[in-house]
Amino acid sequence: MFRIKHIDHVVLRVIDIKRMMRFYIDVLGCELEKTQENVGLYQLRAGSSLIDLVPVDSRLGKMGGAAPGMEGRNLDHFCLRIESFDGESILSHLCEKGYDGSRVESRYGAEGDGPSIYVKDPEGNTIELKGAPWETQDT
């Protein structure tokens, strides 16, 4: 049906966006690739993957609940880049296994805009299953 190619990106919910960006850019060598300030999303290039930083006080960040800490999550979701992406087949597979997937939507990832589906694991962690960019869909 499909196989995992690599982790596309991770999304970290952060309290101090400036401090976190300095760490990931200045300390680890990531590069700022894309900013969507209207929703509160800062995407940093980390090799062939992305690290997304989402301030907890931004529109997107507020949807994740409490700030990082002993009782709050700082990981929003992780994304697996998969081959081949057939949304209907993936959703059918998830349903057969007892899981509900989101509808297929176009989302931006490490390789560009392409189709994706969200699903939660048994403990409530969100996983994004991401296909190739629209112009280079795997077959």
Protein backbone atom coordinates (compact mmCIF):
# COMPACT_ATOMS: atom_id res chain seq x y z
CA MET A 1 0.00 0.00 0.00
CA PHE A 2 2.64 2.57 1.08
CA ARG A 3 6.00 2.72 2.79
CA ILE A 4 7.57 5.36 4.99
CA LYS A 5 10.30 7.33 3.23
CA HIS A 6 11.43 9.64 6.06
CA ILE A 7 10.24 12.06 8.72
CA ASP A 8 9.09 15.17 6.88
CA HIS A 9 8.89 17.57 9.81
CA VAL A 10 8.29 17.98 13.52
CA VAL A 11 6.23 20.77 15.08
CA LEU A 12 7.32 22.21 18.43
CA ARG A 13 5.05 24.41 20.51
CA VAL A 14 7.25 27.11 22.08
CA ILE A 15 6.99 29.79 24.75
CA ASP A 16 9.83 32.08 23.59
CA ILE A 17 9.98 32.08 19.77
CA LYS A 18 13.02 34.38 19.55
CA ARG A 19 15.07 32.26 21.95
CA MET A 20 14.06 29.03 20.20
CA MET A 21 14.85 30.44 16.75
CA ARG A 22 18.27 31.60 17.96
CA PHE A 23 18.96 28.09 19.27
CA TYR A 24 17.86 26.22 16.15
CA ILE A 25 19.44 28.73 13.73
CA ASP A 26 22.55 29.89 15.57
CA VAL A 27 23.37 26.77 17.57
CA LEU A 28 22.18 23.94 15.35
CA GLY A 29 22.58 25.62 11.97
CA CYS A 30 19.00 25.49 10.70
CA GLU A 31 17.83 28.14 8.26
CA LEU A 32 14.56 30.07 8.34
CA GLU A 33 12.64 28.86 5.29
CA LYS A 34 9.09 30.11 5.64
CA THR A 35 7.15 32.29 8.06
CA GLN A 36 3.38 32.41 8.39
CA GLU A 37 2.97 35.03 11.11
CA ASN A 38 -0.80 35.28 10.60
CA VAL A 39 -1.23 31.81 12.15
CA GLY A 40 2.02 31.68 14.13
CA LEU A 41 4.21 29.25 12.19
CA TYR A 42 7.97 29.51 11.68
CA GLN A 43 9.47 26.79 9.50
CA LEU A 44 13.19 26.04 9.77
CA ARG A 45 15.15 23.90 7.30
CA ALA A 46 16.97 21.03 9.01
CA GLY A 47 18.73 19.12 6.24
CA SER A 48 16.05 17.52 4.09
CA SER A 49 13.43 18.03 6.82
CA LEU A 50 11.73 20.91 8.60
CA ILE A 51 11.39 21.91 12.23
CA ASP A 52 8.28 24.02 12.68
CA LEU A 53 8.09 26.36 15.68
CA VAL A 54 4.64 27.46 16.86
CA PRO A 55 4.41 30.07 19.65
CA VAL A 56 1.83 28.92 22.22
CA ASP A 57 0.27 32.40 22.25
CA SER A 58 -0.31 32.43 18.47
CA ARG A 59 -3.57 31.43 16.76
CA LEU A 60 -2.17 28.01 15.88
CA GLY A 61 -0.44 27.61 19.23
CA LYS A 62 -3.58 28.28 21.26
CA MET A 63 -5.24 25.29 19.60
CA GLY A 64 -2.72 22.97 21.30
CA GLY A 65 -3.72 23.62 24.91
CA ALA A 66 -1.34 24.33 27.76
CA ALA A 67 2.17 25.61 27.17
CA PRO A 68 5.12 23.18 27.29
CA GLY A 69 5.93 22.01 30.76
CA MET A 70 5.17 19.21 33.19
CA GLU A 71 1.46 19.21 32.28
CA GLY A 72 1.59 20.60 28.74
CA ARG A 73 2.72 19.22 25.39
CA ASN A 74 5.35 20.84 23.26
CA LEU A 75 5.13 18.39 20.34
CA ASP A 76 2.08 19.06 18.20
CA HIS A 77 2.57 16.25 15.68
CA PHE A 78 5.14 14.49 13.57
CA CYS A 79 4.91 13.88 9.87
CA LEU A 80 5.87 10.79 7.90
CA ARG A 81 6.57 11.21 4.20
CA ILE A 82 5.04 8.23 2.47
CA GLU A 83 5.07 6.63 -0.96
CA SER A 84 2.72 6.21 -2.80
CA PHE A 85 -0.04 8.55 -1.69
CA ASP A 86 -3.55 7.39 -2.53
CA GLY A 87 -5.81 9.21 -0.09
CA GLU A 88 -8.81 6.96 -0.54
CA SER A 89 -6.72 3.83 -0.08
CA ILE A 90 -4.97 5.22 2.99
CA LEU A 91 -8.25 6.26 4.63
CA SER A 92 -9.73 2.85 3.87
CA HIS A 93 -6.68 1.14 5.39
CA LEU A 94 -6.89 3.29 8.54
CA CYS A 95 -10.62 2.57 8.87
CA GLU A 96 -10.02 -1.18 8.50
CA LYS A 97 -7.52 -0.97 11.37
CA GLY A 98 -9.98 0.98 13.55
CA TYR A 99 -8.62 4.50 13.14
CA ASP A 100 -10.24 7.63 11.75
CA GLY A 101 -8.11 9.72 9.40
CA SER A 102 -8.80 13.34 8.53
CA ARG A 103 -9.83 14.30 5.03
CA VAL A 104 -7.04 14.73 2.50
CA GLU A 105 -5.79 18.32 2.43
CA SER A 106 -2.92 20.15 0.79
CA ARG A 107 -0.29 21.11 3.33
CA TYR A 108 3.25 22.48 3.12
CA GLY A 109 6.08 20.16 4.12
CA ALA A 110 9.81 19.76 3.58
CA GLU A 111 9.36 19.07 -0.15
CA GLY A 112 6.59 21.62 -0.78
CA ASP A 113 2.79 21.58 -0.92
CA GLY A 114 1.21 18.18 -1.23
CA PRO A 115 -1.55 15.92 0.06
CA SER A 116 -1.71 14.87 3.70
CA ILE A 117 -3.89 13.06 6.20
CA TYR A 118 -3.85 13.35 10.00
CA VAL A 119 -4.43 10.34 12.26
CA LYS A 120 -4.07 9.90 16.04
CA ASP A 121 -2.20 6.99 17.58
CA PRO A 122 -3.67 5.01 20.50
CA GLU A 123 -2.33 7.50 23.06
CA GLY A 124 -3.59 10.58 21.22
CA ASN A 125 -0.38 11.62 19.42
CA THR A 126 -1.10 13.11 16.01
CA ILE A 127 0.73 11.75 12.97
CA GLU A 128 0.58 13.38 9.55
CA LEU A 129 0.91 11.06 6.55
CA LYS A 130 2.32 13.22 3.75
CA GLY A 131 2.59 12.51 0.04
CA ALA A 132 5.00 13.92 -2.51
CA PRO A 133 4.54 17.50 -3.70
CA TRP A 134 1.71 17.86 -6.20
CA GLU A 135 3.97 18.32 -9.22
CA THR A 136 6.05 15.22 -8.47
CA GLN A 137 3.53 12.70 -7.09
CA ASP A 138 5.03 9.24 -6.60
CA THR A 139 3.51 6.43 -8.63
